Protein backbone atom coordinates (compact mmCIF):
# COMPACT_ATOMS: atom_id res chain seq x y z
CA MET A 1 18.42 11.82 11.57
CA THR A 2 21.76 13.67 11.87
CA ASN A 3 22.05 16.76 9.62
CA ARG A 4 24.65 15.12 7.57
CA LEU A 5 22.47 12.03 6.97
CA PHE A 6 19.33 14.11 6.52
CA ALA A 7 21.07 16.05 3.65
CA SER A 8 22.45 12.80 2.12
CA VAL A 9 19.03 11.01 2.35
CA VAL A 10 17.48 13.99 0.47
CA ALA A 11 20.38 13.92 -2.10
CA VAL A 12 20.06 10.24 -2.52
CA LEU A 13 16.34 10.32 -3.06
CA LEU A 14 16.60 13.26 -5.45
CA ALA A 15 19.21 11.75 -7.55
CA ILE A 16 19.14 7.83 -7.57
CA ILE A 17 22.43 7.48 -9.33
CA ALA A 18 25.11 5.08 -7.88
CA ILE A 19 27.88 7.63 -8.27
CA TYR A 20 26.51 9.95 -5.66
CA TYR A 21 26.45 7.50 -2.93
CA GLN A 22 29.99 7.62 -1.62
CA GLU A 23 30.51 11.27 -2.22
CA LEU A 24 27.48 12.14 -0.55
CA PHE A 25 27.82 10.13 2.75
CA ASN A 26 31.51 11.32 3.03
CA THR A 27 30.37 15.08 2.97
CA VAL A 28 30.11 17.13 6.10
CA PHE A 29 26.90 18.99 6.72
CA SER A 30 25.83 21.60 9.61
CA SER A 31 22.63 22.94 10.66
CA SER A 32 21.24 25.85 12.49
CA SER A 33 17.67 25.72 13.88
CA LEU A 34 15.93 24.01 11.17
CA LYS A 35 17.96 24.53 8.60
CA VAL A 36 20.10 21.93 6.84
CA VAL A 37 23.05 22.80 4.73
CA ASP A 38 24.63 20.53 1.92
CA SER A 39 27.99 22.13 2.12
CA THR A 40 29.27 20.38 -0.90
CA ARG A 41 26.41 21.45 -3.14
CA ASP A 42 25.65 24.58 -1.38
CA ILE A 43 22.11 23.68 -1.04
CA THR A 44 19.90 24.82 2.06
CA TYR A 45 16.84 23.10 3.09
CA LEU A 46 14.36 24.95 5.57
CA GLY A 47 12.12 22.90 7.82
CA SER A 48 9.66 23.46 10.52
CA LEU A 49 9.11 22.03 14.22
CA SER A 50 5.64 20.43 15.06
CA PRO A 51 3.98 20.88 18.29
CA ALA A 52 5.12 17.11 19.08
CA GLY A 53 8.63 18.12 18.65
CA ILE A 54 9.43 16.45 15.34
CA GLU A 55 11.33 18.05 12.63
CA HIS A 56 9.57 18.36 9.25
CA PHE A 57 10.97 18.85 5.80
CA GLN A 58 7.96 19.04 3.19
CA ASN A 59 7.77 19.59 -0.45
CA ILE A 60 11.18 18.39 -1.38
CA TYR A 61 11.03 17.27 -5.11
CA TYR A 62 12.84 14.22 -6.24
CA ALA A 63 11.92 14.70 -9.76
CA GLU A 64 11.24 17.59 -12.09
CA ALA A 65 7.64 18.59 -12.83
CA PRO A 66 6.08 15.83 -15.17
CA THR A 67 4.30 18.47 -17.43
CA GLY A 68 4.96 18.94 -21.35
CA GLN A 69 7.23 16.22 -22.71
CA ARG A 70 7.43 14.88 -19.17
CA ARG A 71 3.83 13.99 -18.85
CA PHE A 72 3.22 10.26 -19.41
CA ALA A 73 7.07 9.49 -19.18
CA ALA A 74 9.46 8.21 -16.65
CA PRO A 75 10.40 10.70 -13.73
CA VAL A 76 13.64 12.90 -14.38
CA PRO A 77 15.63 13.43 -11.35
CA THR A 78 15.77 17.09 -10.17
CA ARG A 79 19.11 18.86 -9.89
CA PRO A 80 18.83 21.73 -7.40
CA GLY A 81 21.12 24.42 -8.41
CA LYS A 82 24.16 25.50 -6.37
CA GLY A 83 23.16 28.12 -3.91
CA SER A 84 19.52 26.87 -3.75
CA VAL A 85 17.45 27.77 -0.75
CA ILE A 86 14.60 25.04 -0.48
CA ASP A 87 11.62 26.08 1.39
CA ALA A 88 10.44 22.77 3.00
CA THR A 89 8.20 24.17 5.70
CA ARG A 90 4.80 23.51 4.00
CA ALA A 91 3.11 20.56 2.39
CA GLY A 92 3.23 20.40 -1.26
CA ALA A 93 0.28 19.85 -3.82
CA TRP A 94 -1.39 16.65 -4.26
CA CYS A 95 -0.94 14.91 -7.62
CA PRO A 96 -3.89 15.35 -9.94
CA GLN A 97 -7.03 13.74 -8.52
CA ALA A 98 -10.81 14.42 -7.49
CA THR A 99 -11.00 17.24 -5.03
CA GLY A 100 -13.24 17.35 -1.93
CA ASP A 101 -13.69 15.24 1.01
CA ILE A 102 -13.15 11.69 1.31
CA LEU A 103 -13.76 10.25 4.82
CA PRO A 104 -14.29 12.03 7.95
CA PHE A 105 -10.91 11.15 9.36
CA THR A 106 -8.90 12.22 6.12
CA SER A 107 -7.87 15.45 4.55
CA LYS A 108 -10.00 17.11 2.26
CA VAL A 109 -8.44 17.37 -1.15
CA THR A 110 -7.85 20.95 -2.17
CA ASP A 111 -4.64 21.68 -3.80
CA ILE A 112 -3.60 19.63 -6.77
CA SER A 113 -0.90 20.02 -9.47
CA GLU A 114 0.99 18.01 -11.77
CA ASN A 115 4.19 19.48 -9.95
CA CYS A 116 3.71 16.92 -7.25
CA LEU A 117 6.65 14.54 -7.13
CA SER A 118 7.78 15.47 -3.78
CA LEU A 119 8.92 14.05 -0.47
CA ARG A 120 7.63 14.39 3.26
CA ILE A 121 10.30 13.79 5.52
CA ALA A 122 10.34 13.82 9.28
CA ARG A 123 13.13 13.25 11.98
CA PRO A 124 13.52 13.39 15.64
CA ALA A 125 14.63 16.64 16.92
CA ARG A 126 18.28 17.29 18.45
CA THR A 127 19.80 14.15 16.73
CA GLN A 128 23.54 13.98 17.06
CA LYS A 129 25.66 14.36 14.04
CA ASP A 130 27.20 11.03 14.18
CA ALA A 131 24.03 9.15 14.32
CA LYS A 132 23.15 6.69 11.54
CA LEU A 133 19.47 6.22 11.27
CA PRO A 134 17.46 3.66 9.21
CA VAL A 135 14.88 5.36 6.81
CA ALA A 136 11.32 4.09 6.67
CA VAL A 137 9.50 5.29 3.54
CA TRP A 138 5.83 5.14 3.22
CA ILE A 139 3.94 4.46 0.09
CA HIS A 140 0.24 5.59 0.57
CA GLY A 141 -2.74 3.91 -0.67
CA ASP A 142 -6.09 5.42 -1.46
CA ALA A 143 -7.66 7.29 1.78
CA ASN A 144 -10.75 5.33 0.75
CA GLU A 145 -9.36 2.23 -0.96
CA GLN A 146 -11.60 0.53 -3.45
CA THR A 147 -10.27 -2.38 -5.53
CA GLY A 148 -7.01 -1.33 -7.02
CA GLY A 149 -6.68 2.18 -5.99
CA HIS A 150 -4.08 4.51 -7.68
CA ALA A 151 -6.81 7.23 -7.98
CA LEU A 152 -6.66 9.26 -4.58
CA GLY A 153 -4.25 10.14 -1.85
CA SER A 154 -1.15 11.88 -0.74
CA ALA A 155 1.64 11.43 1.63
CA SER A 156 0.45 14.73 3.13
CA ASP A 157 -3.11 13.24 4.24
CA ILE A 158 -3.67 13.73 7.81
CA LEU A 159 -4.15 10.07 8.20
CA TYR A 160 -0.29 9.48 7.67
CA GLU A 161 0.91 12.20 10.18
CA PRO A 162 4.27 10.55 11.34
CA ASP A 163 4.97 12.42 14.73
CA GLY A 164 3.73 9.61 17.02
CA LEU A 165 5.66 6.93 14.99
CA VAL A 166 8.94 9.26 14.76
CA ASN A 167 8.67 10.15 18.85
CA LEU A 168 8.07 6.50 19.86
CA ALA A 169 10.87 5.18 17.92
CA ALA A 170 13.21 7.84 19.39
CA ALA A 171 11.89 7.48 22.94
CA ASP A 172 12.75 3.79 22.76
CA GLY A 173 16.19 4.37 21.60
CA GLN A 174 15.43 3.19 18.01
CA PRO A 175 15.23 6.43 16.23
CA LEU A 176 14.51 6.51 12.54
CA VAL A 177 13.83 9.01 9.53
CA TYR A 178 10.37 8.73 7.98
CA VAL A 179 9.75 9.58 4.35
CA GLY A 180 6.48 9.74 2.73
CA ILE A 181 6.54 10.05 -1.17
CA ASN A 182 3.85 11.43 -3.69
CA TYR A 183 3.49 9.59 -7.11
CA ARG A 184 1.31 10.09 -10.03
CA LEU A 185 -2.20 8.56 -9.80
CA GLY A 186 -4.92 7.85 -12.52
CA LEU A 187 -4.67 8.86 -15.85
CA PHE A 188 -1.28 10.69 -15.31
CA GLY A 189 0.32 7.71 -13.56
CA PHE A 190 -1.13 4.80 -15.56
CA ALA A 191 -2.34 5.74 -18.99
CA THR A 192 -1.30 3.27 -21.49
CA SER A 193 -1.30 2.74 -25.34
CA GLU A 194 0.73 0.87 -28.00
CA THR A 195 2.95 3.98 -28.44
CA MET A 196 3.58 4.41 -24.77
CA ILE A 197 4.40 0.71 -24.51
CA GLU A 198 7.02 0.98 -27.10
CA ARG A 199 8.45 4.33 -25.57
CA LYS A 200 8.46 2.75 -22.31
CA ASP A 201 6.26 5.38 -20.76
CA THR A 202 3.89 3.36 -19.18
CA ASN A 203 3.29 2.84 -15.42
CA ALA A 204 4.67 6.10 -14.56
CA GLY A 205 3.19 6.10 -11.00
CA LEU A 206 5.34 2.87 -10.12
CA ARG A 207 8.42 4.54 -11.94
CA ASP A 208 7.99 7.55 -9.76
CA GLN A 209 7.94 5.32 -6.58
CA ARG A 210 11.04 3.65 -7.76
CA ALA A 211 12.90 7.00 -8.17
CA ALA A 212 11.97 7.73 -4.48
CA LEU A 213 12.44 4.69 -2.59
CA GLU A 214 15.33 4.04 -0.22
CA PHE A 215 15.96 1.70 2.68
CA THR A 216 12.92 0.14 4.39
CA VAL A 217 9.61 0.72 2.60
CA ILE A 218 6.15 0.37 4.29
CA GLY A 219 3.08 0.40 2.06
CA GLN A 220 -0.56 0.01 2.71
CA SER A 221 -3.39 -1.47 0.66
CA VAL A 222 -2.39 -0.38 -3.08
CA GLY A 223 0.82 0.83 -1.59
CA ALA A 224 1.49 -2.64 -0.40
CA SER A 225 0.42 -4.06 -3.59
CA ASP A 226 2.90 -1.64 -5.18
CA ILE A 227 5.80 -3.14 -3.07
CA GLY A 228 4.92 -6.46 -4.79
CA LEU A 229 4.95 -4.85 -8.08
CA GLN A 230 8.52 -3.38 -7.18
CA LEU A 231 9.76 -6.70 -6.37
CA THR A 232 8.81 -8.19 -9.56
CA ALA A 233 9.82 -5.18 -11.85
CA PHE A 234 11.64 -5.75 -14.71
CA GLY A 235 11.15 -9.46 -14.14
CA GLY A 236 13.46 -9.29 -10.94
CA ASP A 237 16.53 -8.48 -13.11
CA ARG A 238 17.22 -5.25 -11.11
CA ASP A 239 17.84 -4.85 -7.43
CA VAL A 240 15.20 -2.78 -5.48
CA PRO A 241 16.06 0.40 -3.74
CA PHE A 242 15.01 -0.92 -0.24
CA GLN A 243 16.16 -3.36 2.17
CA GLN A 244 13.00 -4.83 3.79
CA GLY A 245 9.40 -4.40 3.28
CA VAL A 246 5.98 -4.05 5.25
CA MET A 247 2.92 -4.89 3.14
CA MET A 248 -0.16 -3.77 5.00
CA SER A 249 -3.49 -5.07 3.47
CA GLY A 250 -2.12 -6.07 0.01
CA GLY A 251 -0.04 -7.97 -2.28
CA PRO A 252 0.51 -7.69 -6.14
CA GLY A 253 -2.66 -9.64 -6.90
CA LEU A 254 -4.66 -6.65 -5.79
CA ASN A 255 -4.19 -5.32 -9.38
CA PHE A 256 -6.67 -7.41 -11.52
CA ASN A 257 -7.06 -7.27 -15.14
CA SER A 258 -3.24 -6.75 -15.72
CA GLN A 259 -3.49 -6.96 -19.52
CA PRO A 260 -3.35 -3.51 -20.81
CA GLU A 261 -6.24 -3.53 -23.13
CA LEU A 262 -8.95 -1.82 -20.95
CA VAL A 263 -6.65 0.80 -19.62
CA ALA A 264 -5.57 1.55 -23.06
CA SER A 265 -9.19 1.80 -24.35
CA ASN A 266 -9.78 4.27 -21.29
CA THR A 267 -6.86 6.21 -22.25
CA ALA A 268 -8.11 6.45 -25.77
CA ALA A 269 -11.48 7.49 -24.67
CA ILE A 270 -10.09 10.49 -22.86
CA ALA A 271 -7.97 11.37 -25.77
CA GLN A 272 -11.02 11.23 -28.01
CA GLN A 273 -12.87 13.58 -25.81
CA VAL A 274 -9.94 16.35 -25.71
CA GLY A 275 -9.77 15.94 -29.47
CA CYS A 276 -6.51 14.05 -29.53
CA GLY A 277 -8.01 11.32 -31.97
CA GLY A 278 -7.96 8.37 -29.62
CA GLY A 279 -5.50 6.52 -31.70
CA GLN A 280 -2.29 4.63 -30.62
CA ASP A 281 0.20 6.74 -32.60
CA LEU A 282 2.89 9.32 -31.37
CA GLN A 283 0.71 12.12 -32.45
CA THR A 284 -1.99 11.30 -30.11
CA LEU A 285 0.50 11.03 -27.28
CA GLU A 286 2.04 14.67 -28.04
CA CYS A 287 -1.38 15.88 -28.40
CA LEU A 288 -2.15 14.79 -24.74
CA ARG A 289 1.05 16.28 -23.34
CA ALA A 290 -0.16 19.83 -24.57
CA VAL A 291 -3.92 19.43 -22.98
CA PRO A 292 -4.30 21.40 -19.63
CA PHE A 293 -3.83 19.16 -16.77
CA GLU A 294 -7.11 20.34 -15.24
CA GLN A 295 -9.01 19.40 -18.41
CA LEU A 296 -7.44 16.09 -18.33
CA THR A 297 -7.96 15.50 -14.53
CA ASN A 298 -11.69 16.61 -14.73
CA LEU A 299 -12.62 14.29 -17.72
CA SER A 300 -10.72 11.25 -16.46
CA VAL A 301 -12.14 11.51 -12.80
CA THR A 302 -15.55 11.97 -14.19
CA ALA A 303 -15.06 8.94 -16.48
CA SER A 304 -13.58 7.02 -13.89
CA ARG A 305 -16.25 7.60 -11.20
CA ALA A 306 -19.05 6.89 -13.79
CA ALA A 307 -17.51 3.52 -14.57
CA ARG A 308 -16.29 2.51 -11.10
CA PRO A 309 -18.39 4.44 -8.57
CA PRO A 310 -18.02 5.98 -6.07
CA PHE A 311 -14.15 6.95 -6.24
CA GLY A 312 -13.08 5.62 -9.70
CA GLU A 313 -10.75 3.08 -8.65
CA GLY A 314 -9.82 0.19 -11.29
CA TYR A 315 -10.05 2.58 -14.15
CA PHE A 316 -6.51 3.62 -14.60
CA TYR A 317 -3.96 1.26 -12.89
CA PRO A 318 -0.71 -0.72 -13.48
CA THR A 319 -0.77 -2.98 -16.57
CA ILE A 320 1.77 -5.39 -18.35
CA ASP A 321 4.15 -3.40 -20.43
CA ASP A 322 6.98 -6.04 -21.18
CA ASP A 323 9.15 -3.69 -19.25
CA PHE A 324 8.41 -2.63 -15.82
CA ILE A 325 5.63 -5.37 -15.46
CA GLN A 326 6.47 -8.27 -17.83
CA ASP A 327 3.80 -10.57 -17.05
CA ARG A 328 0.90 -11.33 -14.54
CA PRO A 329 2.23 -10.78 -11.05
CA SER A 330 1.12 -14.32 -10.03
CA GLU A 331 3.28 -15.79 -13.02
CA LEU A 332 6.07 -13.86 -12.23
CA THR A 333 6.30 -15.15 -8.51
CA ARG A 334 5.63 -18.72 -9.52
CA LYS A 335 8.68 -18.43 -11.91
CA GLY A 336 10.99 -16.81 -9.18
CA MET A 337 11.20 -13.55 -11.32
CA PHE A 338 11.44 -11.04 -8.49
CA THR A 339 14.25 -9.34 -6.58
CA LYS A 340 15.55 -11.66 -3.85
CA GLY A 341 16.86 -11.18 -0.33
CA ILE A 342 14.07 -8.64 0.98
CA PRO A 343 12.65 -9.81 4.32
CA LEU A 344 9.02 -9.11 4.46
CA ILE A 345 5.96 -8.58 6.99
CA ALA A 346 2.61 -8.78 5.37
CA SER A 347 -0.84 -8.69 6.62
CA TRP A 348 -4.58 -8.07 6.50
CA VAL A 349 -7.23 -6.65 8.90
CA THR A 350 -10.19 -8.78 10.03
CA ASN A 351 -12.73 -6.99 8.04
CA ASP A 352 -10.95 -5.80 5.19
CA GLY A 353 -13.64 -6.28 2.69
CA ALA A 354 -16.35 -4.61 4.96
CA TRP A 355 -16.86 -1.39 2.90
CA TYR A 356 -16.78 -3.26 -0.55
CA ALA A 357 -20.18 -4.84 0.02
CA LEU A 358 -23.57 -2.64 0.04
CA PRO A 359 -25.27 -2.86 3.34
CA THR A 360 -28.43 -4.00 1.33
CA THR A 361 -26.73 -7.12 -0.17
CA ALA A 362 -29.42 -9.57 0.19
CA THR A 363 -29.16 -12.14 -2.55
CA ASP A 364 -26.52 -14.47 -4.22
CA ASP A 365 -26.38 -12.17 -7.17
CA GLU A 366 -25.87 -9.10 -5.12
CA VAL A 367 -22.90 -11.02 -3.36
CA LEU A 368 -21.36 -11.67 -6.53
CA GLY A 369 -22.14 -8.20 -8.00
CA SER A 370 -19.97 -6.78 -4.97
CA PHE A 371 -16.84 -7.38 -7.08
CA GLY A 372 -18.43 -7.88 -10.51
CA LEU A 373 -17.41 -4.40 -11.82
CA TRP A 374 -13.66 -5.32 -11.36
CA LEU A 375 -13.72 -8.98 -11.99
CA HIS A 376 -15.82 -9.02 -14.98
CA LYS A 377 -14.41 -12.11 -16.67
CA LEU A 378 -15.32 -14.83 -14.08
CA SER A 379 -17.01 -17.72 -15.57
CA THR A 380 -20.40 -19.22 -14.31
CA PRO A 381 -18.52 -22.34 -12.69
CA THR A 382 -16.08 -19.89 -10.87
CA LYS A 383 -18.81 -18.01 -9.43
CA GLU A 384 -20.68 -21.08 -8.33
CA LYS A 385 -17.52 -22.31 -6.75
CA LEU A 386 -17.30 -19.10 -4.79
CA LEU A 387 -20.73 -19.30 -3.41
CA HIS A 388 -20.01 -22.85 -2.44
CA LEU A 389 -16.84 -22.08 -0.40
CA TYR A 390 -18.48 -19.44 1.41
CA PRO A 391 -21.89 -21.04 2.40
CA LEU A 392 -24.54 -18.70 3.64
CA GLU A 393 -24.99 -20.37 7.19
CA ASP A 394 -21.45 -19.56 8.06
CA PHE A 395 -22.44 -15.91 8.34
CA GLU A 396 -25.80 -16.05 9.93
CA HIS A 397 -24.13 -15.87 13.60
CA MET A 398 -22.75 -12.42 12.59
CA ILE A 399 -26.18 -10.63 12.85
CA ARG A 400 -26.15 -8.37 15.90
CA PRO A 401 -29.25 -7.72 17.67
CA GLU A 402 -29.25 -4.10 16.52
CA HIS A 403 -29.11 -5.21 12.88
CA GLU A 404 -31.89 -7.77 13.25
CA GLY A 405 -34.20 -7.42 10.24
CA GLN A 406 -32.02 -4.57 8.64
CA LEU A 407 -29.09 -6.65 7.72
CA SER A 408 -28.82 -10.01 5.75
CA PRO A 409 -26.16 -12.49 6.46
CA GLN A 410 -25.21 -12.07 2.59
CA TYR A 411 -23.80 -8.87 3.57
CA TYR A 412 -21.22 -10.44 5.78
CA ARG A 413 -20.67 -13.20 3.11
CA ALA A 414 -19.78 -10.78 0.54
CA ALA A 415 -17.53 -8.79 2.95
CA GLN A 416 -15.55 -11.87 3.75
CA LEU A 417 -15.48 -12.78 -0.18
CA ASN A 418 -14.15 -9.50 -0.83
CA ARG A 419 -11.62 -9.43 2.03
CA ASP A 420 -10.24 -12.66 0.54
CA ILE A 421 -10.37 -11.78 -2.85
CA TRP A 422 -8.72 -8.51 -2.61
CA PHE A 423 -6.35 -9.04 0.30
CA THR A 424 -5.87 -12.25 2.35
CA CYS A 425 -5.32 -14.81 -0.38
CA PRO A 426 -3.17 -12.27 -2.60
CA VAL A 427 -1.20 -11.60 0.37
CA LEU A 428 -0.74 -15.46 1.36
CA ASP A 429 0.01 -16.30 -2.37
CA PHE A 430 2.75 -13.56 -2.84
CA THR A 431 4.49 -14.45 0.37
CA TRP A 432 4.29 -18.22 0.01
CA GLN A 433 5.77 -18.11 -3.51
CA TYR A 434 8.33 -15.56 -2.54
CA VAL A 435 9.57 -18.00 -0.03
CA LYS A 436 9.11 -21.09 -1.91
CA ASN A 437 10.84 -19.70 -5.09
CA GLY A 438 13.85 -18.70 -3.44
CA GLY A 439 13.11 -15.04 -2.51
CA VAL A 440 14.17 -15.42 1.24
CA GLY A 441 14.55 -18.13 3.82
CA ALA A 442 11.25 -19.21 5.49
CA SER A 443 12.38 -17.28 8.69
CA GLN A 444 12.43 -14.02 7.06
CA VAL A 445 8.63 -13.72 6.15
CA ARG A 446 6.03 -12.87 8.92
CA LEU A 447 2.12 -12.42 8.76
CA TYR A 448 -0.26 -10.39 10.93
CA GLU A 449 -4.05 -10.02 11.04
CA PHE A 450 -5.12 -6.61 12.92
CA ASN A 451 -8.35 -7.28 14.73
CA GLN A 452 -9.07 -3.74 16.40
CA THR A 453 -10.28 -0.26 15.04
CA ARG A 454 -10.26 3.25 16.49
CA TYR A 455 -12.90 4.23 13.98
CA THR A 456 -15.88 2.31 15.78
CA PRO A 457 -17.45 5.69 16.90
CA VAL A 458 -17.03 7.22 13.41
CA PHE A 459 -18.51 4.24 11.73
CA ASP A 460 -21.39 4.45 14.12
CA PHE A 461 -21.97 8.08 13.52
CA MET A 462 -21.86 7.32 9.58
CA GLY A 463 -24.28 4.66 10.00
CA VAL A 464 -21.95 1.63 8.90
CA SER A 465 -21.43 0.22 12.46
CA MET A 466 -21.30 -3.32 10.62
CA TRP A 467 -17.89 -2.32 9.07
CA GLY A 468 -16.13 -3.42 12.23
CA VAL A 469 -12.38 -3.42 11.68
CA ALA A 470 -12.65 -2.17 8.22
CA HIS A 471 -9.85 -1.51 5.76
CA LEU A 472 -7.32 1.30 7.09
CA SER A 473 -8.06 0.27 10.76
CA ASP A 474 -4.18 -0.49 11.28
CA ILE A 475 -2.83 2.70 9.98
CA PRO A 476 -3.55 5.06 13.24
CA TYR A 477 -1.91 2.25 15.19
CA LEU A 478 1.23 2.30 13.19
CA PHE A 479 1.54 5.97 13.36
CA VAL A 480 0.69 6.28 17.18
CA ASN A 481 -1.75 8.94 16.24
CA ASP A 482 -2.98 10.02 19.79
CA HIS A 483 -5.36 12.94 18.25
CA LEU A 484 -7.05 10.93 15.59
CA GLY A 485 -10.09 13.19 14.55
CA ALA A 486 -13.74 12.78 13.46
CA GLY A 487 -14.69 11.32 17.01
CA ALA A 488 -12.43 8.37 16.80
CA ASP A 489 -11.38 6.40 19.73
CA ASN A 490 -8.11 7.77 21.51
CA SER A 491 -8.44 6.04 24.60
CA ASP A 492 -5.57 4.77 26.80
CA ASP A 493 -6.24 1.24 25.77
CA GLN A 494 -6.23 2.08 22.01
CA LEU A 495 -2.98 4.06 22.47
CA ALA A 496 -1.40 1.15 24.44
CA LEU A 497 -2.29 -1.26 21.52
CA ALA A 498 -0.71 1.42 19.18
CA ARG A 499 2.46 1.72 20.98
CA ASP A 500 2.66 -2.09 20.99
CA PHE A 501 2.15 -2.62 17.43
CA SER A 502 4.35 0.32 16.22
CA ARG A 503 7.20 -0.98 18.40
CA THR A 504 6.92 -4.12 16.54
CA ILE A 505 7.13 -2.60 13.23
CA ILE A 506 10.03 -0.34 14.45
CA GLN A 507 12.01 -3.17 15.60
CA PHE A 508 11.61 -4.84 12.22
CA VAL A 509 12.73 -1.46 10.47
CA HIS A 510 15.63 -0.88 12.96
CA PRO A 511 18.81 -2.83 12.38
CA LYS A 512 20.24 -1.99 15.57
CA ALA A 513 17.09 -3.26 17.83
CA SER A 514 16.90 -6.03 19.71
CA ASP A 515 14.80 -8.85 18.29
CA ASP A 516 12.65 -9.77 21.20
CA ARG A 517 9.40 -8.90 19.85
CA LEU A 518 10.26 -10.63 16.48
CA GLN A 519 11.43 -13.79 18.28
CA SER A 520 8.01 -14.29 19.88
CA TRP A 521 6.34 -13.73 16.32
CA PRO A 522 6.71 -17.11 14.48
CA PRO A 523 7.56 -17.05 10.72
CA ALA A 524 4.69 -17.46 8.47
CA PHE A 525 5.59 -21.02 6.84
CA SER A 526 8.45 -22.64 8.76
CA LYS A 527 6.59 -25.68 9.46
CA ASP A 528 5.91 -26.31 5.78
CA PHE A 529 9.50 -25.86 4.91
CA ALA A 530 10.57 -28.50 7.66
CA LYS A 531 9.17 -30.93 5.17
CA PRO A 532 11.24 -32.56 2.33
CA SER A 533 8.81 -30.95 -0.17
CA THR A 534 6.14 -28.16 -0.47
CA GLY A 535 3.03 -27.68 -2.63
CA ASP A 536 1.68 -24.64 -4.44
CA VAL A 537 -0.19 -23.70 -1.42
CA PRO A 538 0.89 -23.82 2.24
CA SER A 539 -0.44 -26.29 4.57
CA HIS A 540 0.19 -24.51 7.77
CA ILE A 541 0.43 -20.84 8.61
CA SER A 542 1.59 -19.01 11.45
CA LEU A 543 0.70 -15.33 12.23
CA GLN A 544 0.73 -12.65 14.84
CA LEU A 545 -2.97 -11.47 15.94
CA PHE A 546 -3.04 -7.75 17.07
CA GLY A 547 -6.06 -6.60 19.22
CA GLY A 548 -9.50 -8.03 19.42
CA PRO A 549 -11.05 -10.09 22.15
CA HIS A 550 -8.31 -12.57 22.04
CA GLY A 551 -5.55 -10.13 22.56
CA SER A 552 -2.41 -9.76 20.82
CA VAL A 553 -1.12 -13.31 20.51
CA PRO A 554 0.84 -15.51 17.96
CA THR A 555 -1.52 -18.00 16.51
CA THR A 556 -1.45 -20.90 14.08
CA CYS A 557 -3.60 -22.63 11.67
CA SER A 558 -3.46 -25.87 9.57
CA GLU A 559 -5.38 -27.22 6.72
CA ASP A 560 -6.06 -30.38 8.65
CA THR A 561 -9.72 -30.75 8.48
CA GLY A 562 -9.84 -33.18 11.43
CA ALA A 563 -8.21 -30.75 14.05
CA ASP A 564 -9.24 -31.13 17.43
CA MET A 565 -11.39 -27.89 18.25
CA GLU A 566 -11.30 -28.54 21.85
CA ALA A 567 -7.54 -28.22 21.96
CA MET A 568 -7.38 -25.04 20.15
CA THR A 569 -7.14 -21.56 21.87
CA ASP A 570 -9.95 -19.08 21.17
CA ALA A 571 -7.56 -17.19 18.70
CA GLU A 572 -6.83 -20.56 16.76
CA LYS A 573 -10.51 -21.19 16.75
CA ALA A 574 -11.18 -17.81 15.13
CA LEU A 575 -8.51 -18.15 12.58
CA HIS A 576 -9.79 -21.84 11.76
CA TRP A 577 -13.22 -20.34 11.04
CA GLU A 578 -11.88 -18.20 8.35
CA ASN A 579 -11.18 -21.32 6.01
CA LEU A 580 -8.27 -19.77 4.58
CA PHE A 581 -6.85 -23.06 3.22
CA SER A 582 -9.66 -24.15 1.04
CA ARG A 583 -10.96 -20.73 0.09
CA CYS A 584 -7.33 -19.37 -0.77
CA ALA A 585 -6.38 -22.75 -2.65
CA PHE A 586 -9.14 -21.78 -5.09
CA LEU A 587 -8.74 -17.98 -5.25
CA ASN A 588 -4.89 -18.70 -5.71
CA SER A 589 -5.75 -21.53 -8.26
CA GLN A 590 -4.58 -21.22 -11.92
CA GLN A 591 -8.42 -21.15 -12.92
CA PHE A 592 -9.06 -18.18 -10.94
CA ARG A 593 -5.90 -16.25 -11.53
CA GLU A 594 -6.32 -16.45 -15.26
CA GLU A 595 -10.03 -15.20 -15.08
CA ALA A 596 -8.99 -12.44 -12.64
CA GLY A 597 -6.01 -11.45 -14.61
CA VAL A 598 -3.67 -11.45 -11.64
């Protein structure tokens, strides 16, 4: 990023107010070494240079510390004083969450604080002053995503190291600026009550994201789900602060039980424990704002993990507040109540649901129990239908010799069910409804399935080799991380796939890039929209397959049950085996959506 644009992006992200745009972009900035100066407002930003030659500016606050009266409230834009020197050389604190280890290849959580609403910015070194670069904003999910998230994570996690992505983009002549954002999580981000709804103090974590977003946004898992929630925010009556979206393993359907009663009850229980009454009135809210954040963090994390083991996701999460979220997301998309004109890439990975089922899963009841904690309102007929749609015999061939006698096909059945419930079918539903109801043209939505992982040696070491291409697998390919830790696979073949995949996403992000890669990637639903009318579910999908035994190829699938299997490519046969049309037709049906609360 140019010195001029760097300071512009920082200022725009810090002060999302339209009046600033023209003034900031016409301001002249200069730099010396890793110092960027906003000469109009006389603010200096000090950065650092990574071993990979990328300039980093970290812990740049976009909002005031959400403490005191700002706790459980919308973010307040920060206004650095004239003459300020901002030390952006080191990572800032993570938002309040549990501390300790998460996964072998993720950061250990040690430094948490309420004063966490900050940006992590990376740019290529020696960028010319007159360059105009696109900005890619990363919304992190949970480092160990479990059903709905919003409990763990930070833009500073080593998993999201941006040097490889920024270097590759610059080397290809398509330089970009990377921005990672921190936003409030758990109780601090998603507490709710009648009083908070009345005061529009709900869904603070989503409002944080809104304050920090600009240009292209990329989100993974719950981060992807939140992109969908940003598009449906305020019933679609407001423009979103980004121009494109990449939704990796997630759609807004990821947020189950979207009515506020459960989260309100959880909020009241914490209030009761700290002596704030547990009621819904303003006095309770004011009392909670005076409690030390460490006490609230410890109590809320303990309660969350007891109710939703092991990491407490799905205890505090986005809920309907008749303001930011005005209805169930699936209903909003069906009514066309979303911001229009945002091209999308959306995706899942082949075994996205692998770690949601216990390896000991061996019975029908245990299959249903693998998501029962979160989907606790499913009727008996719905559960019976799910088992019928995923017959056990479909998964018997998946038992590998080394797992013979140790693993039941029921495990793989549960894993596939979880994948489709949490990821694949919500992604298909959101993108289909977005095109069908006027969000963008059919040529502007693309899908991919990622079928490769660099974590195989790590999973083997952890004793969970059955996970395969599990959730998070595509992240190190996007970031072109050539030194992934914990014994992960950093071989030449893996890094070649990383460069291929990342270049495709870079091309989508970069407005000046040629579109060769995207031209060979067929739009998701074009064949449906070549017909006079369309139904509530697609009858044909096209997607790009990345990695795996069939290679990186475009592939297609149709609901036609009489399709000629002999005429299919191996990739098409693999996609056909997933039975997405019959399964997602039910998982995206009115019956299931109402019971799931999506």
